[in-house]
Protein backbone atom coordinates (compact mmCIF):
# COMPACT_ATOMS: atom_id res chain seq x y z
CA MET A 1 -95.33 45.35 -36.67
CA ALA A 2 -95.85 48.66 -34.71
CA LYS A 3 -96.42 52.11 -36.99
CA ALA A 4 -93.06 54.49 -36.75
CA LYS A 5 -93.65 57.10 -34.56
CA LYS A 6 -93.39 61.14 -36.48
CA GLU A 7 -93.00 63.36 -33.61
CA ASN A 8 -90.36 66.22 -33.06
CA ASN A 9 -90.87 67.76 -36.68
CA GLY A 10 -91.41 64.75 -38.56
CA VAL A 11 -88.05 62.63 -36.84
CA ASN A 12 -88.58 58.90 -36.07
CA GLU A 13 -88.35 58.15 -33.03
CA GLU A 14 -89.03 53.87 -33.69
CA PRO A 15 -86.32 51.85 -31.71
CA LEU A 16 -82.59 51.36 -34.49
CA GLU A 17 -83.65 47.61 -34.62
CA LYS A 18 -87.17 48.82 -36.36
CA GLN A 19 -85.89 50.96 -38.68
CA LEU A 20 -83.10 48.97 -39.46
CA TRP A 21 -85.36 46.10 -40.44
CA LYS A 22 -87.61 47.75 -42.88
CA ALA A 23 -84.31 49.12 -44.43
CA ALA A 24 -83.36 45.79 -44.78
CA ASP A 25 -86.44 44.70 -46.16
CA LYS A 26 -86.94 46.90 -48.67
CA LEU A 27 -83.48 45.47 -50.34
CA ARG A 28 -84.56 41.73 -49.93
CA LYS A 29 -86.87 42.43 -53.45
CA ASN A 30 -87.47 38.90 -54.92
CA ILE A 31 -85.55 36.87 -52.92
CA ASP A 32 -87.17 34.79 -50.19
CA ALA A 33 -86.98 35.36 -46.32
CA ALA A 34 -85.30 32.10 -45.56
CA GLU A 35 -82.35 32.70 -48.15
CA TYR A 36 -82.23 36.20 -46.99
CA LYS A 37 -81.41 36.17 -43.36
CA HIS A 38 -78.10 34.56 -43.94
CA VAL A 39 -76.93 37.37 -45.53
CA VAL A 40 -78.16 39.93 -43.57
CA LEU A 41 -77.56 37.77 -40.58
CA GLY A 42 -74.03 37.50 -41.79
CA LEU A 43 -73.15 40.59 -42.67
CA ILE A 44 -74.39 41.83 -39.13
CA PHE A 45 -71.72 38.85 -37.81
CA LEU A 46 -69.08 40.28 -39.62
CA LYS A 47 -69.73 43.43 -38.59
CA TYR A 48 -69.33 42.50 -35.10
CA ILE A 49 -66.34 40.46 -34.84
CA SER A 50 -64.52 43.37 -37.36
CA ASP A 51 -65.56 45.95 -34.66
CA SER A 52 -64.52 43.61 -31.71
CA PHE A 53 -61.03 42.83 -33.73
CA GLU A 54 -60.62 46.59 -34.40
CA GLU A 55 -61.15 47.94 -30.43
CA MET A 56 -58.43 45.30 -29.64
CA PHE A 57 -55.85 45.97 -32.40
CA ASP A 58 -56.23 49.85 -31.34
CA LYS A 59 -55.24 48.54 -27.60
CA LEU A 60 -52.39 47.09 -28.98
CA GLU A 61 -51.29 49.65 -31.55
CA LYS A 62 -51.18 52.05 -28.33
CA GLY A 63 -48.53 49.42 -26.63
CA GLU A 64 -49.88 50.94 -23.07
CA GLY A 65 -49.69 48.53 -19.99
CA ASP A 66 -49.79 44.85 -20.38
CA TYR A 67 -49.86 45.90 -24.30
CA ALA A 68 -46.57 47.45 -24.03
CA GLY A 69 -44.77 45.89 -27.41
CA ALA A 70 -47.51 44.06 -28.03
CA ASP A 71 -47.78 43.08 -32.35
CA PRO A 72 -51.08 44.29 -33.74
CA GLU A 73 -51.53 41.36 -36.24
CA ASP A 74 -50.59 39.08 -33.85
CA LYS A 75 -52.84 36.41 -34.05
CA ASP A 76 -51.99 35.01 -30.39
CA GLU A 77 -52.50 38.40 -28.45
CA TYR A 78 -56.40 37.95 -30.37
CA LYS A 79 -56.73 34.16 -28.74
CA ALA A 80 -55.75 34.67 -25.49
CA GLU A 81 -58.47 37.88 -25.12
CA ASN A 82 -61.01 35.35 -27.06
CA VAL A 83 -61.24 37.85 -29.83
CA PHE A 84 -61.79 36.43 -32.90
CA PHE A 85 -58.49 36.91 -35.47
CA VAL A 86 -59.69 39.13 -39.01
CA PRO A 87 -57.70 39.04 -41.51
CA PRO A 88 -57.21 42.53 -43.34
CA GLU A 89 -59.24 40.90 -46.50
CA ALA A 90 -61.89 40.36 -44.01
CA ARG A 91 -62.26 43.55 -42.20
CA TRP A 92 -65.24 45.58 -42.37
CA SER A 93 -63.23 48.50 -43.41
CA PHE A 94 -61.95 46.45 -46.59
CA LEU A 95 -66.09 45.92 -47.46
CA LEU A 96 -66.77 48.48 -47.41
CA ALA A 97 -64.78 50.20 -49.66
CA LYS A 98 -65.68 47.85 -52.59
CA ALA A 99 -69.38 48.04 -51.46
CA LYS A 100 -70.02 50.08 -54.61
CA GLN A 101 -68.16 47.35 -56.96
CA PRO A 102 -70.02 44.47 -59.03
CA ASP A 103 -68.17 41.82 -57.34
CA ILE A 104 -68.89 43.29 -53.93
CA GLY A 105 -70.68 39.26 -53.51
CA ILE A 106 -67.54 37.57 -54.36
CA PHE A 107 -65.15 39.75 -51.98
CA ALA A 108 -67.97 38.69 -49.26
CA ASP A 109 -67.79 35.23 -49.37
CA GLY A 110 -64.03 35.33 -49.63
CA ALA A 111 -64.07 37.44 -46.70
CA MET A 112 -66.06 35.12 -44.65
CA ASP A 113 -63.74 32.54 -45.94
CA ALA A 114 -60.72 34.17 -44.46
CA ILE A 115 -62.27 34.76 -41.58
CA GLU A 116 -63.01 30.83 -40.92
CA LYS A 117 -59.72 29.59 -42.08
CA GLU A 118 -58.04 31.99 -39.43
CA ASN A 119 -60.35 30.42 -36.32
CA PRO A 120 -61.17 27.39 -36.16
CA SER A 121 -64.20 27.39 -33.99
CA LEU A 122 -65.67 28.99 -36.81
CA LYS A 123 -65.31 26.35 -39.42
CA GLY A 124 -68.08 25.44 -41.69
CA VAL A 125 -70.64 28.31 -39.55
CA LEU A 126 -70.39 31.07 -41.55
CA PRO A 127 -72.16 31.95 -44.79
CA LYS A 128 -71.18 31.71 -48.03
CA VAL A 129 -74.29 32.95 -49.88
CA PHE A 130 -73.20 36.80 -51.01
CA ALA A 131 -72.11 36.18 -54.60
CA ARG A 132 -75.48 33.91 -55.77
CA GLN A 133 -76.85 35.53 -58.72
CA ASN A 134 -80.73 36.51 -56.97
CA LEU A 135 -78.56 38.82 -55.17
CA ASP A 136 -77.57 41.98 -57.40
CA PRO A 137 -74.60 43.81 -56.17
CA THR A 138 -76.00 47.46 -55.60
CA SER A 139 -78.46 45.67 -53.25
CA LEU A 140 -75.68 43.74 -51.43
CA GLY A 141 -73.91 47.19 -51.35
CA GLY A 142 -76.39 49.34 -49.72
CA LEU A 143 -76.93 46.13 -46.86
CA ILE A 144 -73.07 46.62 -46.08
CA ASP A 145 -73.53 50.24 -45.77
CA LEU A 146 -77.01 49.71 -43.67
CA VAL A 147 -74.98 47.26 -41.55
CA GLY A 148 -72.47 49.90 -41.46
CA ASN A 149 -74.57 52.59 -40.00
CA ILE A 150 -75.07 49.96 -36.65
CA ALA A 151 -73.60 51.44 -33.48
CA MET A 152 -72.34 54.50 -35.35
CA GLY A 153 -71.81 56.89 -32.58
CA ASP A 154 -71.27 54.25 -30.19
CA ALA A 155 -67.76 53.49 -28.15
CA LYS A 156 -66.73 50.32 -29.55
CA ALA A 157 -66.88 48.85 -26.62
CA ARG A 158 -71.10 49.17 -26.65
CA SER A 159 -71.14 48.37 -30.83
CA ALA A 160 -71.16 44.56 -29.16
CA ASP A 161 -74.13 44.85 -27.39
CA VAL A 162 -76.02 46.58 -30.24
CA LEU A 163 -75.28 44.40 -32.72
CA GLY A 164 -75.73 41.28 -30.35
CA HIS A 165 -79.77 42.97 -29.99
CA VAL A 166 -80.14 43.71 -33.77
CA PHE A 167 -79.28 40.07 -34.69
CA GLU A 168 -81.68 38.77 -31.82
CA TYR A 169 -84.40 40.90 -32.87
CA PHE A 170 -83.71 40.30 -36.89
CA LEU A 171 -83.96 36.29 -36.06
CA GLY A 172 -87.15 36.81 -34.52
CA GLU A 173 -88.50 38.57 -37.76
CA PHE A 174 -86.90 36.55 -40.01
CA ALA A 175 -88.99 34.12 -37.74
CA LEU A 176 -92.06 35.78 -38.74
CA ALA A 177 -91.58 36.50 -42.12
CA GLU A 178 -90.85 32.64 -42.74
CA GLY A 179 -94.32 31.99 -40.56
CA LYS A 180 -94.52 27.85 -40.15
CA GLN A 181 -90.74 27.30 -41.66
CA GLY A 182 -89.16 29.90 -39.09
CA GLY A 183 -90.67 28.83 -36.29
CA GLN A 184 -88.49 25.72 -36.26
CA PHE A 185 -85.02 27.06 -35.55
CA TYR A 186 -87.14 30.40 -33.63
CA THR A 187 -88.71 29.65 -30.39
CA PRO A 188 -90.61 33.45 -29.51
CA ARG A 189 -88.66 35.27 -27.69
CA SER A 190 -91.31 36.21 -25.17
CA ILE A 191 -91.83 31.93 -24.22
CA VAL A 192 -88.13 31.89 -23.38
CA GLU A 193 -87.94 34.90 -21.33
CA LEU A 194 -91.16 33.18 -19.10
CA LEU A 195 -89.10 29.84 -18.83
CA VAL A 196 -85.30 31.50 -17.68
CA ALA A 197 -87.63 33.75 -15.54
CA MET A 198 -89.56 30.99 -13.82
CA LEU A 199 -85.95 28.80 -13.77
CA GLU A 200 -83.92 31.70 -12.65
CA PRO A 201 -80.66 30.10 -13.69
CA TYR A 202 -77.90 32.19 -12.21
CA LYS A 203 -75.36 29.46 -12.04
CA GLY A 204 -74.72 25.66 -13.47
CA ARG A 205 -75.00 23.57 -16.33
CA VAL A 206 -77.05 24.55 -18.83
CA LEU A 207 -78.40 22.34 -21.70
CA ASP A 208 -81.01 22.08 -24.15
CA PRO A 209 -80.69 19.23 -26.13
CA CYS A 210 -82.75 20.71 -29.00
CA CYS A 211 -81.29 24.51 -29.25
CA GLY A 212 -82.82 25.76 -32.42
CA SER A 213 -80.93 29.35 -33.05
CA GLY A 214 -79.74 29.46 -29.77
CA GLY A 215 -82.50 31.95 -27.77
CA MET A 216 -82.57 29.56 -24.79
CA PHE A 217 -78.98 30.34 -23.91
CA VAL A 218 -78.93 33.95 -24.82
CA GLN A 219 -82.07 34.72 -22.47
CA SER A 220 -80.03 33.04 -19.81
CA GLU A 221 -76.88 34.74 -19.99
CA LYS A 222 -78.83 38.25 -20.31
CA PHE A 223 -81.01 36.94 -16.79
CA VAL A 224 -77.96 36.33 -15.23
CA THR A 225 -76.23 39.82 -16.38
CA GLU A 226 -79.65 41.93 -15.44
CA HIS A 227 -79.52 40.35 -12.20
CA GLN A 228 -75.71 41.24 -11.38
CA GLY A 229 -74.64 37.87 -11.60
CA ARG A 230 -71.48 36.37 -13.21
CA VAL A 231 -72.22 35.41 -16.41
CA ASN A 232 -69.05 33.03 -16.30
CA ASP A 233 -70.79 30.95 -13.87
CA ILE A 234 -73.25 29.32 -16.17
CA SER A 235 -71.60 26.63 -19.00
CA ILE A 236 -73.43 26.36 -21.92
CA TYR A 237 -74.63 22.92 -23.81
CA GLY A 238 -76.61 22.28 -26.48
CA GLN A 239 -77.16 20.00 -29.85
CA GLU A 240 -78.90 20.54 -33.14
CA SER A 241 -79.36 18.30 -35.88
CA ASN A 242 -80.32 20.81 -38.42
CA GLN A 243 -77.04 22.05 -39.44
CA THR A 244 -78.46 25.23 -40.97
CA THR A 245 -79.64 26.08 -37.79
CA TRP A 246 -76.73 25.50 -36.05
CA ARG A 247 -74.66 27.49 -38.04
CA LEU A 248 -77.38 30.59 -36.89
CA ALA A 249 -76.53 29.51 -33.20
CA LYS A 250 -73.48 29.22 -33.47
CA MET A 251 -73.34 32.84 -34.60
CA ASN A 252 -75.62 33.89 -32.03
CA LEU A 253 -73.41 32.85 -29.76
CA ALA A 254 -70.45 34.16 -30.62
CA ILE A 255 -71.84 37.61 -31.30
CA ARG A 256 -72.79 37.65 -27.53
CA GLY A 257 -69.36 36.52 -26.22
CA ILE A 258 -70.75 33.51 -25.08
CA ASP A 259 -68.80 29.63 -25.46
CA SER A 260 -70.44 27.63 -27.87
CA SER A 261 -68.12 24.85 -28.05
CA GLN A 262 -70.27 22.38 -26.20
CA VAL A 263 -73.19 23.26 -28.85
CA LYS A 264 -73.14 20.39 -31.27
CA TRP A 265 -74.09 19.07 -34.35
CA ASN A 266 -75.26 15.98 -35.96
CA ASN A 267 -78.03 15.11 -38.17
CA GLU A 268 -78.60 12.32 -35.57
CA GLY A 269 -80.37 13.99 -33.36
CA SER A 270 -80.34 14.14 -29.32
CA PHE A 271 -81.87 10.46 -29.41
CA LEU A 272 -80.33 8.25 -31.47
CA ASN A 273 -76.76 10.21 -31.06
CA ASP A 274 -76.63 12.02 -27.94
CA GLY A 275 -74.10 14.61 -27.94
CA HIS A 276 -73.44 15.15 -23.95
CA LYS A 277 -74.49 11.43 -22.87
CA ASP A 278 -73.01 12.07 -19.57
CA LEU A 279 -74.30 15.63 -18.86
CA LYS A 280 -75.76 15.73 -15.63
CA ALA A 281 -77.16 19.15 -16.36
CA ASP A 282 -78.93 21.95 -13.59
CA PHE A 283 -80.74 23.62 -15.75
CA ILE A 284 -82.55 22.27 -18.82
CA ILE A 285 -84.41 24.66 -21.30
CA ALA A 286 -86.25 23.24 -24.22
CA ASN A 287 -88.48 23.41 -26.94
CA PRO A 288 -88.84 20.15 -28.55
CA PRO A 289 -90.61 19.53 -31.63
CA PHE A 290 -94.32 19.27 -30.99
CA ASN A 291 -95.51 15.37 -31.18
CA ASP A 292 -93.28 14.01 -33.20
CA SER A 293 -94.03 10.81 -35.28
CA ASP A 294 -89.94 10.32 -36.73
CA TRP A 295 -87.90 10.32 -33.86
CA SER A 296 -86.83 6.34 -34.61
CA GLY A 297 -88.62 5.05 -31.38
CA GLU A 298 -88.48 1.42 -32.52
CA LEU A 299 -85.03 1.55 -32.49
CA LEU A 300 -84.80 2.38 -29.05
CA ARG A 301 -87.22 0.72 -26.76
CA ASN A 302 -85.34 -0.74 -24.67
CA ASP A 303 -83.34 2.81 -23.92
CA GLY A 304 -81.75 3.07 -20.38
CA ARG A 305 -83.53 6.53 -20.59
CA TRP A 306 -86.88 5.70 -20.44
CA LYS A 307 -87.32 5.22 -16.36
CA TYR A 308 -91.03 5.52 -16.42
CA GLY A 309 -91.48 3.77 -19.48
CA ALA A 310 -91.09 3.25 -23.09
CA PRO A 311 -92.59 6.18 -25.07
CA PRO A 312 -95.03 5.13 -27.95
CA ALA A 313 -93.07 4.77 -31.70
CA GLY A 314 -95.14 7.64 -33.03
CA ASN A 315 -95.02 10.14 -30.39
CA ALA A 316 -91.95 12.12 -29.30
CA ASN A 317 -93.62 13.76 -26.47
CA PHE A 318 -92.44 11.83 -22.83
CA ALA A 319 -89.36 10.77 -24.84
CA TRP A 320 -88.21 14.22 -24.53
CA LEU A 321 -89.24 14.66 -21.20
CA GLN A 322 -87.64 11.32 -20.18
CA HIS A 323 -84.30 12.02 -21.78
CA PHE A 324 -84.77 15.50 -19.92
CA VAL A 325 -85.22 13.90 -16.90
CA TYR A 326 -82.16 11.72 -17.38
CA HIS A 327 -79.84 14.41 -18.39
CA LEU A 328 -80.31 16.72 -14.99
CA SER A 329 -78.46 16.47 -11.80
CA PRO A 330 -79.57 15.28 -7.79
CA THR A 331 -80.87 19.33 -7.58
CA GLY A 332 -81.80 19.58 -11.50
CA LYS A 333 -84.36 21.55 -12.90
CA ALA A 334 -86.04 21.96 -16.51
CA GLY A 335 -88.80 24.10 -18.14
CA VAL A 336 -89.95 22.89 -21.47
CA VAL A 337 -92.51 23.75 -24.06
CA LEU A 338 -95.15 20.97 -24.82
CA ALA A 339 -98.46 19.94 -26.98
CA LYS A 340 -100.70 20.60 -24.72
CA GLY A 341 -102.12 16.93 -25.43
CA ALA A 342 -99.34 15.35 -23.31
CA LEU A 343 -101.17 16.47 -20.44
CA THR A 344 -104.38 14.25 -20.79
CA SER A 345 -102.97 11.76 -24.00
CA LYS A 346 -103.15 8.60 -22.52
CA SER A 347 -102.29 6.51 -26.16
CA GLY A 348 -99.42 4.54 -26.35
CA GLY A 349 -98.65 4.46 -22.51
CA GLU A 350 -98.56 7.90 -22.55
CA GLY A 351 -101.04 7.86 -19.30
CA GLU A 352 -99.19 5.40 -17.65
CA ILE A 353 -95.98 7.14 -18.29
CA ARG A 354 -97.34 10.49 -16.39
CA LYS A 355 -98.91 8.76 -14.02
CA ALA A 356 -95.35 6.97 -13.09
CA MET A 357 -93.39 10.91 -12.83
CA ILE A 358 -96.02 12.26 -11.06
CA ALA A 359 -96.94 9.06 -8.14
CA GLU A 360 -93.47 7.46 -8.27
CA GLY A 361 -90.89 10.18 -9.39
CA ASN A 362 -92.78 13.30 -7.62
CA ILE A 363 -90.61 14.83 -10.30
CA ILE A 364 -93.53 17.18 -11.79
CA ASP A 365 -93.39 20.91 -10.19
CA CYS A 366 -95.45 22.98 -12.27
CA ILE A 367 -97.89 23.33 -15.10
CA VAL A 368 -98.72 26.41 -17.04
CA ASN A 369 -101.39 26.60 -19.79
CA LEU A 370 -100.42 28.73 -22.62
CA PRO A 371 -102.53 31.35 -24.52
CA ALA A 372 -103.14 30.31 -27.97
CA LYS A 373 -101.55 31.93 -31.56
CA LEU A 374 -97.65 32.33 -29.55
CA PHE A 375 -96.17 30.16 -31.66
CA LEU A 376 -95.02 30.56 -35.15
CA ASN A 377 -94.78 27.55 -36.65
CA THR A 378 -97.80 25.68 -35.39
CA GLN A 379 -101.72 26.60 -34.20
CA ILE A 380 -101.50 23.07 -32.00
CA PRO A 381 -102.17 24.38 -28.03
CA ALA A 382 -99.31 24.14 -25.72
CA GLY A 383 -98.27 24.37 -22.13
CA LEU A 384 -95.24 24.59 -19.81
CA TRP A 385 -93.67 21.59 -17.84
CA PHE A 386 -91.56 22.64 -14.61
CA MET A 387 -89.76 19.32 -13.91
CA ASN A 388 -87.51 19.27 -10.75
CA ARG A 389 -85.46 16.37 -9.12
CA SER A 390 -84.88 17.81 -5.61
CA ARG A 391 -89.06 18.12 -4.50
CA ASN A 392 -88.13 15.23 -2.15
CA ASN A 393 -85.68 17.03 -0.53
CA GLY A 394 -86.66 19.86 1.74
CA HIS A 395 -89.30 21.17 -1.05
CA PRO A 396 -92.29 22.87 0.89
CA ARG A 397 -95.03 22.12 -1.24
CA LYS A 398 -93.73 18.18 -2.22
CA ASN A 399 -96.79 16.37 -2.30
CA GLU A 400 -98.51 19.45 -4.22
CA ILE A 401 -98.19 20.90 -7.90
CA LEU A 402 -98.92 24.54 -9.22
CA PHE A 403 -101.35 24.59 -12.38
CA ILE A 404 -101.13 27.98 -14.05
CA ASP A 405 -104.13 28.84 -16.78
CA ALA A 406 -102.43 31.58 -18.49
CA ARG A 407 -104.60 31.48 -21.78
CA ASN A 408 -105.92 34.54 -21.36
CA LEU A 409 -103.00 36.38 -21.18
CA GLY A 410 -100.81 38.23 -23.65
CA HIS A 411 -101.69 40.46 -27.19
CA LEU A 412 -101.81 39.95 -30.98
CA ILE A 413 -99.05 41.72 -32.25
CA ASN A 414 -100.78 40.50 -35.82
CA ARG A 415 -103.47 38.76 -37.22
CA ARG A 416 -102.09 35.79 -36.70
CA THR A 417 -99.35 35.59 -33.49
CA ARG A 418 -99.80 37.08 -29.53
CA MET A 419 -97.02 37.63 -27.27
CA LEU A 420 -96.71 38.08 -24.16
CA SER A 421 -95.77 41.34 -22.29
CA GLN A 422 -93.48 41.47 -19.59
CA ASP A 423 -96.49 42.29 -16.85
CA ASP A 424 -97.39 38.71 -18.22
CA ILE A 425 -94.36 37.25 -17.73
CA ARG A 426 -94.27 38.76 -13.91
CA LYS A 427 -97.12 37.83 -13.04
CA ILE A 428 -96.90 34.11 -14.20
CA ALA A 429 -92.83 33.94 -13.43
CA ASP A 430 -93.76 35.54 -9.40
CA THR A 431 -97.11 33.39 -8.95
CA TYR A 432 -94.41 30.14 -9.26
CA HIS A 433 -91.66 31.56 -7.42
CA ALA A 434 -94.33 32.86 -4.17
CA TRP A 435 -95.48 28.92 -4.46
CA GLN A 436 -92.20 27.61 -4.21
CA THR A 437 -91.41 29.94 -0.63
CA GLU A 438 -92.68 29.01 2.86
CA ASP A 439 -93.66 32.45 4.23
CA GLY A 440 -97.25 31.52 3.03
CA ALA A 441 -97.14 34.89 0.10
CA TYR A 442 -98.64 32.33 -2.37
CA GLU A 443 -102.41 32.05 -3.21
CA ASP A 444 -104.54 30.38 -5.08
CA VAL A 445 -106.54 32.69 -7.18
CA LYS A 446 -109.61 31.34 -9.16
CA GLY A 447 -109.69 30.89 -12.88
CA PHE A 448 -105.66 31.42 -12.83
CA CYS A 449 -103.27 28.95 -10.13
CA ALA A 450 -104.70 26.65 -7.83
CA SER A 451 -102.15 24.41 -5.65
CA VAL A 452 -103.05 21.07 -5.92
CA PRO A 453 -102.69 18.25 -4.00
CA LEU A 454 -101.37 15.02 -5.26
CA GLY A 455 -103.79 13.31 -4.27
CA ARG A 456 -106.41 14.92 -6.24
CA VAL A 457 -104.57 14.91 -9.49
CA GLN A 458 -104.60 11.18 -8.52
CA GLU A 459 -108.44 11.61 -8.50
CA LEU A 460 -108.70 13.10 -11.55
CA ASP A 461 -106.75 9.90 -12.87
CA TYR A 462 -102.81 12.09 -13.93
CA VAL A 463 -104.47 14.41 -16.00
CA LEU A 464 -102.50 17.67 -15.90
CA THR A 465 -104.52 20.46 -17.74
CA PRO A 466 -104.53 23.33 -15.39
CA GLY A 467 -108.60 24.92 -16.38
CA ARG A 468 -109.13 21.59 -14.15
CA TYR A 469 -108.40 22.03 -11.55
CA VAL A 470 -108.18 26.71 -10.95
CA GLY A 471 -112.24 26.75 -11.64
CA LEU A 472 -113.42 29.50 -13.21
CA PRO A 473 -112.67 33.57 -12.34
CA ASP A 474 -114.84 34.99 -9.54
CA ASP A 475 -116.41 37.04 -12.08
CA VAL A 476 -117.67 34.08 -14.35
CA ASP A 477 -119.12 32.02 -10.83
CA ASP A 478 -120.78 35.29 -10.61
CA PHE A 479 -122.70 35.17 -13.89
CA ASP A 480 -126.05 35.56 -13.79
CA PHE A 481 -127.31 33.42 -16.35
CA ALA A 482 -130.88 34.41 -16.11
CA GLU A 483 -130.41 38.09 -16.22
CA ARG A 484 -128.51 38.04 -18.71
CA PHE A 485 -130.30 35.51 -20.79
CA ALA A 486 -133.61 38.26 -20.30
CA ALA A 487 -130.93 41.06 -21.04
CA LEU A 488 -130.18 39.49 -24.48
CA ARG A 489 -133.81 38.34 -25.08
CA ALA A 490 -134.71 42.16 -24.92
CA GLU A 491 -131.90 43.27 -27.15
CA PHE A 492 -132.96 40.52 -30.19
CA GLU A 493 -136.96 41.95 -29.69
CA GLY A 494 -136.08 45.34 -29.70
CA GLN A 495 -133.71 44.45 -33.06
CA LEU A 496 -136.77 42.29 -34.09
CA VAL A 497 -139.19 45.65 -33.44
CA GLU A 498 -136.68 47.79 -35.48
CA GLU A 499 -136.74 45.48 -38.38
CA ALA A 500 -140.48 44.82 -38.51
CA VAL A 501 -140.29 49.56 -38.86
CA LEU A 502 -137.78 49.23 -41.18
CA ASN A 503 -139.72 46.55 -43.72
CA LYS A 504 -142.97 48.58 -43.31
CA ALA A 505 -141.25 51.64 -44.45
CA ILE A 506 -139.14 50.11 -47.50
CA ALA A 507 -142.77 48.49 -48.40
CA GLU A 508 -144.51 52.02 -48.46
CA ASN A 509 -141.38 53.99 -50.24
CA LEU A 510 -141.57 50.63 -53.11
CA ALA A 511 -145.39 51.44 -52.93
CA ARG A 512 -145.40 54.92 -53.83
CA ILE A 513 -142.47 54.49 -56.54
CA LYS A 514 -144.97 51.80 -57.98
CA VAL A 515 -147.91 54.49 -58.15
C-alpha cells in the first residue's frame, strides 16, 4: 500500500478510501480479516441505503412537483423509485445516536433484520455479526463514526458513488489481507478491467456463472457509464455456489444501483444446477476456479453442453469453456480467465477438445498470456481466452488467432502481488481492437503480439501458448552472445584480481598481528 503523502503543512493527501481503510484496519484488533470484512462492508452498505432513503424522504417531505401530497413514510413511494425502504430503527441517524452505547451491536443487528423484513430482495443477504463477543462495542462505535464520515461534505446525490467506490476498494483490500482465501471471492480489479476493456459490453445480456463478489458486473456497468452508454441497456445474470460470497455480490450490486434479481445462489453450482439454463448471453465474463477436480464430472459424462468432447472428470477447465460456449448467443463473445495449462494440456482428452474448438468450431479469437503474481489465491500461471461465436460471419480475421504475450507487463504492489496499470490495459485492449478491424492498423510486434493463421496453429498441434508464436523482442533477437560472454568473463576476472589483492592484504595484516 502506498505511503501517505505529507505535503501542504502535513495534510494527508492520500485518497479517501486509503485513509478509511487504514483507520478501519486499526479498529480490527484481534478479529480475522475474513470475519471483519462482513462487519465493515455491512456498515458501508447500511450507510448507502440509508443515504438513498433519506434523499428520497426529503423529496417526498417537500412535496414538490410529482411528489405533491406524497407521504414520506409510504413504502410504495420508495418502491416506485427503486429505493430501499429503511424503517426508523435502521436509519443511520438512529445508529449514530447509539454508537457509544455498550449494546450497539444489538442495535446494528436489529437494523439489518428490519431492512430485510421491509425489502424482500435483501432477505438472507445482510450480515448479522455485530453483537459477537470478539467485536467490542467501542471498536464498533468507532467504525460507525468512521463510515458516517464517508461522503461528508458531498451532496447526497453523490454519496452513492463515493460509497460504492469505497465498498469496491475495501473488497480488494480485504481480499489482499486474506490472501489465498480472499482470492476465492475476488478477481483482482486490473484483470476485470482488462476483460471488460477488450470485450466492450455496451449493451445486451452479461453472464458470469461463477460471479464471486460481482466485480465483473460492476466494471461492465462502469464501462458503459464512462463511455456515455446507457446502463439500462445491460442486463445482469449471475450464479454463485458460495452463499457468503453471493451475499457480498448482492450488496456490491445493490450499492451500485444494479438490478441483481438474476444473480442466483445454489450450493450445487453451475454444472449440476444451471440457474440460467435457457439463457443465451451477448457477453460472458468469468474467472472460474483453476483446475477444479471436484466438479462432479463423472455425473455429467453425457451432458449436452459438451459440444467439443467430454471434459476429464479430474479437471473442469474445458467443462467451463464449453459451458460458456453453450450460453453464448449466435453473436456472443466471452472473456475467460483460465490456468495456463489449458493452453497445452492433452490429458483426459483436453487436447482433442481444444483442437475441435479451433478446427471445427473456429471459436477462439484471442489468447493473452498474463504476468505472474496477479492472483491472490494461487501462483498458477494464467491466461485469458476470448471466444467469439460470430467469427465465421464477416470477421476480418476469421482464419487467424491473435496471440498476445503480456508476461512482462504489470508492476508489483507488494512482494507477492502484481497488478496491471491503466497503460498496460490500454496497450493490450487497443491491440485486440486494432486486430479486429479491416483498416490495416494492426501490426505484429515481436515478443508481444502475433496474428497467426489457423494452419500454423495446426502445425504446432493446436498448442495455444502465445510465446510459441510471438517470438522474441527485437532487442533480444539482436543479443550478441559472444560480446556479452566476453564482458561477463572480464567482469569475473576483474573480481578475481580484486579478491586476490584483498586476500594478500588480509594475509599481510595477519602476519603483522602475529609478530
